[in-house]
């Protein structure tokens, strides 16, 4: 009756590609700040990818997914607020916006999948 869209969580999927694009575009700015900043940025990206893995796991309870979503968004905000000292507020805000946009799209897609699952029952 309803056809589910293809998962954008795959290694070449839309959300991971968006995240890799963000990583590629901002890595040079963090490298200029220093190696610690770059490794911190890459760690943030890894944490977000871990959240995408969790979000794509159908066995994980939705409450766990929502709690992790809130934590990841807070981590992104804290990270960008901290590095705004060196990157400047406009660049840090742009980074936060791009990451949050990708997170919101991923959570929106997950919500649609939950609805598809309910409709199939």
N, C-alpha and C. Protein backbone atom coordinates (compact mmCIF):
# COMPACT_ATOMS: atom_id res chain seq x y z
N UNK A 1 0.82 -1.19 0.00
CA UNK A 1 0.00 0.00 0.00
C UNK A 1 0.87 1.26 0.00
N UNK A 2 1.77 1.41 0.98
CA UNK A 2 2.68 2.53 1.04
C UNK A 2 4.08 2.03 0.72
N UNK A 3 4.79 2.79 -0.07
CA UNK A 3 6.15 2.40 -0.42
C UNK A 3 7.14 3.27 0.34
N UNK A 4 8.01 2.62 1.12
CA UNK A 4 9.00 3.35 1.89
C UNK A 4 10.09 3.87 0.97
N UNK A 5 10.56 5.10 1.20
CA UNK A 5 11.70 5.59 0.43
C UNK A 5 12.97 4.86 0.82
N UNK A 6 13.94 4.90 -0.07
CA UNK A 6 15.23 4.27 0.18
C UNK A 6 15.91 4.99 1.34
N UNK A 7 16.60 4.23 2.19
CA UNK A 7 17.24 4.80 3.38
C UNK A 7 18.38 5.74 3.01
N UNK A 8 18.30 6.97 3.49
CA UNK A 8 19.40 7.90 3.27
C UNK A 8 20.50 7.76 4.32
N UNK A 9 20.41 6.74 5.18
CA UNK A 9 21.39 6.53 6.23
C UNK A 9 22.55 5.65 5.77
N UNK A 10 22.50 5.11 4.58
CA UNK A 10 23.57 4.25 4.11
C UNK A 10 24.87 5.04 3.99
N UNK A 11 25.97 4.33 3.80
CA UNK A 11 27.28 5.00 3.77
C UNK A 11 27.37 6.05 2.67
N UNK A 12 26.61 5.87 1.60
CA UNK A 12 26.60 6.86 0.53
C UNK A 12 25.29 7.65 0.51
N UNK A 13 24.49 7.48 1.57
CA UNK A 13 23.18 8.12 1.64
C UNK A 13 23.26 9.62 1.85
N UNK A 14 22.12 10.24 1.75
CA UNK A 14 22.02 11.69 1.78
C UNK A 14 22.53 12.34 3.05
N UNK A 15 22.18 11.81 4.23
CA UNK A 15 22.59 12.46 5.48
C UNK A 15 24.09 12.35 5.71
N UNK A 16 24.63 11.20 5.43
CA UNK A 16 26.08 11.04 5.60
C UNK A 16 26.84 11.88 4.57
N UNK A 17 26.30 11.97 3.39
CA UNK A 17 26.94 12.80 2.36
C UNK A 17 26.91 14.27 2.78
N UNK A 18 25.78 14.72 3.33
CA UNK A 18 25.70 16.09 3.84
C UNK A 18 26.73 16.34 4.92
N UNK A 19 26.84 15.38 5.82
CA UNK A 19 27.79 15.50 6.93
C UNK A 19 29.23 15.51 6.42
N UNK A 20 29.54 14.67 5.45
CA UNK A 20 30.89 14.65 4.88
C UNK A 20 31.19 15.96 4.15
N UNK A 21 30.18 16.53 3.49
CA UNK A 21 30.36 17.82 2.84
C UNK A 21 30.69 18.91 3.86
N UNK A 22 29.97 18.89 4.97
CA UNK A 22 30.24 19.86 6.05
C UNK A 22 31.66 19.65 6.57
N UNK A 23 32.03 18.40 6.80
CA UNK A 23 33.37 18.10 7.30
C UNK A 23 34.45 18.60 6.33
N UNK A 24 34.24 18.35 5.06
CA UNK A 24 35.21 18.77 4.04
C UNK A 24 35.33 20.29 3.98
N UNK A 25 34.20 20.99 4.02
CA UNK A 25 34.21 22.45 3.90
C UNK A 25 34.83 23.15 5.11
N UNK A 26 34.66 22.59 6.29
CA UNK A 26 35.11 23.28 7.50
C UNK A 26 36.44 22.76 8.06
N UNK A 27 36.94 21.66 7.56
CA UNK A 27 38.18 21.08 8.11
C UNK A 27 39.36 22.04 8.02
N UNK A 28 39.48 22.76 6.93
CA UNK A 28 40.61 23.70 6.78
C UNK A 28 40.56 24.79 7.85
N UNK A 29 39.38 25.28 8.15
CA UNK A 29 39.26 26.33 9.17
C UNK A 29 39.70 25.81 10.53
N UNK A 30 39.32 24.58 10.85
CA UNK A 30 39.74 23.99 12.13
C UNK A 30 41.22 23.64 12.13
N UNK A 31 41.76 23.25 10.97
CA UNK A 31 43.18 22.96 10.88
C UNK A 31 44.01 24.22 11.13
N UNK A 32 43.51 25.38 10.69
CA UNK A 32 44.20 26.64 10.93
C UNK A 32 44.23 27.00 12.41
N UNK A 33 43.17 26.61 13.14
CA UNK A 33 43.12 26.87 14.58
C UNK A 33 44.15 26.01 15.29
N UNK A 34 44.30 24.77 14.81
CA UNK A 34 45.30 23.88 15.40
C UNK A 34 44.87 22.43 15.32
N UNK A 35 45.82 21.52 15.55
CA UNK A 35 45.50 20.09 15.42
C UNK A 35 44.46 19.62 16.44
N UNK A 36 44.45 20.23 17.62
CA UNK A 36 43.44 19.86 18.62
C UNK A 36 42.04 20.24 18.17
N UNK A 37 41.93 21.39 17.53
CA UNK A 37 40.64 21.84 17.03
C UNK A 37 40.14 20.91 15.92
N UNK A 38 41.05 20.54 15.03
CA UNK A 38 40.67 19.65 13.94
C UNK A 38 40.24 18.29 14.46
N UNK A 39 41.00 17.74 15.42
CA UNK A 39 40.60 16.43 15.96
C UNK A 39 39.29 16.54 16.73
N UNK A 40 39.05 17.66 17.40
CA UNK A 40 37.77 17.87 18.08
C UNK A 40 36.63 17.93 17.10
N UNK A 41 36.85 18.59 15.97
CA UNK A 41 35.83 18.68 14.93
C UNK A 41 35.53 17.30 14.34
N UNK A 42 36.57 16.55 14.07
CA UNK A 42 36.37 15.20 13.52
C UNK A 42 35.66 14.31 14.54
N UNK A 43 35.95 14.49 15.82
CA UNK A 43 35.26 13.73 16.87
C UNK A 43 33.77 14.10 16.89
N UNK A 44 33.45 15.38 16.74
CA UNK A 44 32.05 15.81 16.69
C UNK A 44 31.34 15.15 15.51
N UNK A 45 31.98 15.13 14.36
CA UNK A 45 31.38 14.50 13.17
C UNK A 45 31.16 13.00 13.43
N UNK A 46 32.13 12.35 14.07
CA UNK A 46 31.98 10.93 14.41
C UNK A 46 30.80 10.70 15.34
N UNK A 47 30.62 11.59 16.31
CA UNK A 47 29.48 11.47 17.24
C UNK A 47 28.15 11.62 16.50
N UNK A 48 28.12 12.53 15.56
CA UNK A 48 26.89 12.73 14.77
C UNK A 48 26.62 11.50 13.91
N UNK A 49 27.67 10.93 13.33
CA UNK A 49 27.49 9.70 12.54
C UNK A 49 26.99 8.56 13.42
N UNK A 50 27.48 8.51 14.66
CA UNK A 50 26.98 7.51 15.61
C UNK A 50 25.50 7.70 15.88
N UNK A 51 25.08 8.95 15.99
CA UNK A 51 23.65 9.22 16.17
C UNK A 51 22.86 8.78 14.96
N UNK A 52 23.38 9.00 13.75
CA UNK A 52 22.68 8.57 12.54
C UNK A 52 22.54 7.04 12.52
N UNK A 53 23.58 6.34 12.99
CA UNK A 53 23.49 4.88 13.09
C UNK A 53 22.38 4.48 14.05
N UNK A 54 22.32 5.15 15.19
CA UNK A 54 21.29 4.87 16.19
C UNK A 54 19.91 5.16 15.63
N UNK A 55 19.77 6.25 14.93
CA UNK A 55 18.49 6.65 14.37
C UNK A 55 18.00 5.64 13.33
N UNK A 56 18.92 5.05 12.59
CA UNK A 56 18.55 4.08 11.55
C UNK A 56 18.27 2.70 12.11
N UNK A 57 18.61 2.45 13.38
CA UNK A 57 18.40 1.13 13.98
C UNK A 57 16.95 0.96 14.40
N UNK A 58 16.22 0.07 13.74
CA UNK A 58 14.80 -0.09 14.07
C UNK A 58 14.56 -0.73 15.44
N UNK A 59 15.56 -1.33 16.02
CA UNK A 59 15.40 -2.00 17.31
C UNK A 59 15.54 -1.04 18.49
N UNK A 60 16.08 0.14 18.26
CA UNK A 60 16.28 1.10 19.34
C UNK A 60 14.98 1.84 19.62
N UNK A 61 14.65 1.94 20.89
CA UNK A 61 13.43 2.61 21.33
C UNK A 61 13.46 4.09 20.92
N UNK A 62 12.30 4.61 20.55
CA UNK A 62 12.23 5.98 20.07
C UNK A 62 12.64 6.98 21.15
N UNK A 63 12.42 6.66 22.42
CA UNK A 63 12.81 7.58 23.50
C UNK A 63 14.33 7.72 23.58
N UNK A 64 15.02 6.63 23.34
CA UNK A 64 16.49 6.66 23.33
C UNK A 64 16.97 7.54 22.17
N UNK A 65 16.32 7.38 21.03
CA UNK A 65 16.69 8.18 19.87
C UNK A 65 16.46 9.67 20.13
N UNK A 66 15.34 10.00 20.74
CA UNK A 66 15.04 11.40 21.02
C UNK A 66 16.00 11.99 22.05
N UNK A 67 16.33 11.22 23.08
CA UNK A 67 17.28 11.70 24.09
C UNK A 67 18.65 11.93 23.46
N UNK A 68 19.07 11.03 22.59
CA UNK A 68 20.37 11.19 21.94
C UNK A 68 20.35 12.39 20.99
N UNK A 69 19.23 12.62 20.34
CA UNK A 69 19.07 13.78 19.45
C UNK A 69 19.28 15.08 20.24
N UNK A 70 18.65 15.17 21.40
CA UNK A 70 18.79 16.36 22.23
C UNK A 70 20.24 16.53 22.66
N UNK A 71 20.90 15.44 23.03
CA UNK A 71 22.30 15.50 23.47
C UNK A 71 23.21 15.94 22.31
N UNK A 72 23.01 15.37 21.14
CA UNK A 72 23.86 15.72 19.99
C UNK A 72 23.66 17.20 19.63
N UNK A 73 22.42 17.68 19.64
CA UNK A 73 22.19 19.10 19.34
C UNK A 73 22.87 20.00 20.36
N UNK A 74 22.82 19.61 21.64
CA UNK A 74 23.48 20.39 22.69
C UNK A 74 25.00 20.36 22.50
N UNK A 75 25.53 19.20 22.13
CA UNK A 75 26.97 19.08 21.89
C UNK A 75 27.41 19.97 20.72
N UNK A 76 26.62 20.01 19.67
CA UNK A 76 26.93 20.85 18.51
C UNK A 76 26.92 22.31 18.92
N UNK A 77 25.90 22.72 19.68
CA UNK A 77 25.80 24.11 20.12
C UNK A 77 26.99 24.49 21.00
N UNK A 78 27.35 23.62 21.93
CA UNK A 78 28.48 23.90 22.82
C UNK A 78 29.79 23.98 22.04
N UNK A 79 29.99 23.04 21.12
CA UNK A 79 31.20 23.01 20.31
C UNK A 79 31.33 24.30 19.50
N UNK A 80 30.25 24.69 18.84
CA UNK A 80 30.30 25.90 18.00
C UNK A 80 30.47 27.16 18.85
N UNK A 81 29.84 27.19 20.01
CA UNK A 81 30.00 28.34 20.90
C UNK A 81 31.46 28.47 21.36
N UNK A 82 32.08 27.34 21.68
CA UNK A 82 33.47 27.35 22.12
C UNK A 82 34.41 27.82 21.00
N UNK A 83 34.27 27.26 19.82
CA UNK A 83 35.19 27.58 18.72
C UNK A 83 34.86 28.89 18.02
N UNK A 84 33.76 29.54 18.39
CA UNK A 84 33.45 30.86 17.83
C UNK A 84 34.53 31.87 18.19
N UNK A 85 35.24 31.62 19.28
CA UNK A 85 36.34 32.52 19.68
C UNK A 85 37.41 32.62 18.60
N UNK A 86 37.68 31.51 17.95
CA UNK A 86 38.75 31.46 16.96
C UNK A 86 38.22 31.55 15.53
N UNK A 87 37.05 31.00 15.31
CA UNK A 87 36.50 31.00 13.95
C UNK A 87 35.71 32.27 13.64
N UNK A 88 35.22 32.91 14.68
CA UNK A 88 34.32 34.04 14.51
C UNK A 88 32.88 33.57 14.59
N UNK A 89 32.05 34.44 15.12
CA UNK A 89 30.64 34.07 15.31
C UNK A 89 29.91 33.69 14.02
N UNK A 90 30.09 34.43 12.93
CA UNK A 90 29.34 34.07 11.72
C UNK A 90 29.65 32.66 11.21
N UNK A 91 30.94 32.29 11.19
CA UNK A 91 31.31 30.98 10.69
C UNK A 91 30.82 29.87 11.63
N UNK A 92 30.95 30.09 12.94
CA UNK A 92 30.50 29.10 13.91
C UNK A 92 28.99 28.93 13.84
N UNK A 93 28.26 30.02 13.66
CA UNK A 93 26.79 29.94 13.55
C UNK A 93 26.38 29.23 12.26
N UNK A 94 27.12 29.48 11.19
CA UNK A 94 26.82 28.81 9.91
C UNK A 94 27.06 27.31 10.04
N UNK A 95 28.15 26.93 10.69
CA UNK A 95 28.44 25.52 10.92
C UNK A 95 27.34 24.88 11.74
N UNK A 96 26.96 25.51 12.83
CA UNK A 96 25.89 24.98 13.69
C UNK A 96 24.59 24.82 12.90
N UNK A 97 24.27 25.81 12.09
CA UNK A 97 23.05 25.75 11.29
C UNK A 97 23.09 24.58 10.30
N UNK A 98 24.20 24.40 9.62
CA UNK A 98 24.30 23.32 8.63
C UNK A 98 24.20 21.94 9.28
N UNK A 99 24.86 21.77 10.42
CA UNK A 99 24.79 20.48 11.11
C UNK A 99 23.38 20.25 11.64
N UNK A 100 22.79 21.28 12.26
CA UNK A 100 21.43 21.11 12.78
C UNK A 100 20.41 20.85 11.68
N UNK A 101 20.62 21.44 10.53
CA UNK A 101 19.72 21.20 9.40
C UNK A 101 19.79 19.72 8.98
N UNK A 102 20.99 19.17 8.91
CA UNK A 102 21.15 17.76 8.55
C UNK A 102 20.52 16.87 9.63
N UNK A 103 20.70 17.23 10.90
CA UNK A 103 20.10 16.44 11.99
C UNK A 103 18.58 16.49 11.93
N UNK A 104 18.03 17.67 11.69
CA UNK A 104 16.57 17.80 11.61
C UNK A 104 16.00 17.03 10.43
N UNK A 105 16.70 17.04 9.32
CA UNK A 105 16.24 16.26 8.16
C UNK A 105 16.27 14.77 8.48
N UNK A 106 17.30 14.33 9.17
CA UNK A 106 17.41 12.91 9.53
C UNK A 106 16.30 12.51 10.49
N UNK A 107 16.03 13.33 11.49
CA UNK A 107 14.97 13.03 12.44
C UNK A 107 13.60 13.09 11.75
N UNK A 108 13.43 14.02 10.83
CA UNK A 108 12.19 14.09 10.06
C UNK A 108 11.97 12.84 9.23
N UNK A 109 13.04 12.37 8.60
CA UNK A 109 12.93 11.14 7.79
C UNK A 109 12.58 9.96 8.69
N UNK A 110 13.23 9.89 9.85
CA UNK A 110 12.95 8.80 10.80
C UNK A 110 11.48 8.85 11.22
N UNK A 111 10.96 10.04 11.51
CA UNK A 111 9.55 10.17 11.90
C UNK A 111 8.61 9.68 10.81
N UNK A 112 8.94 9.97 9.56
CA UNK A 112 8.13 9.48 8.44
C UNK A 112 8.14 7.96 8.40
N UNK A 113 9.28 7.37 8.66
CA UNK A 113 9.39 5.91 8.63
C UNK A 113 8.54 5.29 9.73
N UNK A 114 8.51 5.94 10.89
CA UNK A 114 7.67 5.45 11.98
C UNK A 114 6.20 5.48 11.55
N UNK A 115 5.79 6.52 10.84
CA UNK A 115 4.42 6.60 10.35
C UNK A 115 4.13 5.52 9.31
N UNK A 116 5.07 5.30 8.40
CA UNK A 116 4.90 4.22 7.42
C UNK A 116 4.71 2.87 8.11
N UNK A 117 5.51 2.64 9.15
CA UNK A 117 5.40 1.38 9.88
C UNK A 117 4.02 1.23 10.52
N UNK A 118 3.51 2.31 11.08
CA UNK A 118 2.18 2.28 11.71
C UNK A 118 1.10 2.03 10.66
N UNK A 119 1.23 2.66 9.49
CA UNK A 119 0.23 2.52 8.43
C UNK A 119 0.23 1.12 7.85
N UNK A 120 1.37 0.45 7.87
CA UNK A 120 1.46 -0.91 7.31
C UNK A 120 0.80 -1.93 8.21
N UNK A 121 0.65 -1.61 9.48
CA UNK A 121 0.07 -2.59 10.43
C UNK A 121 -1.41 -2.72 10.28
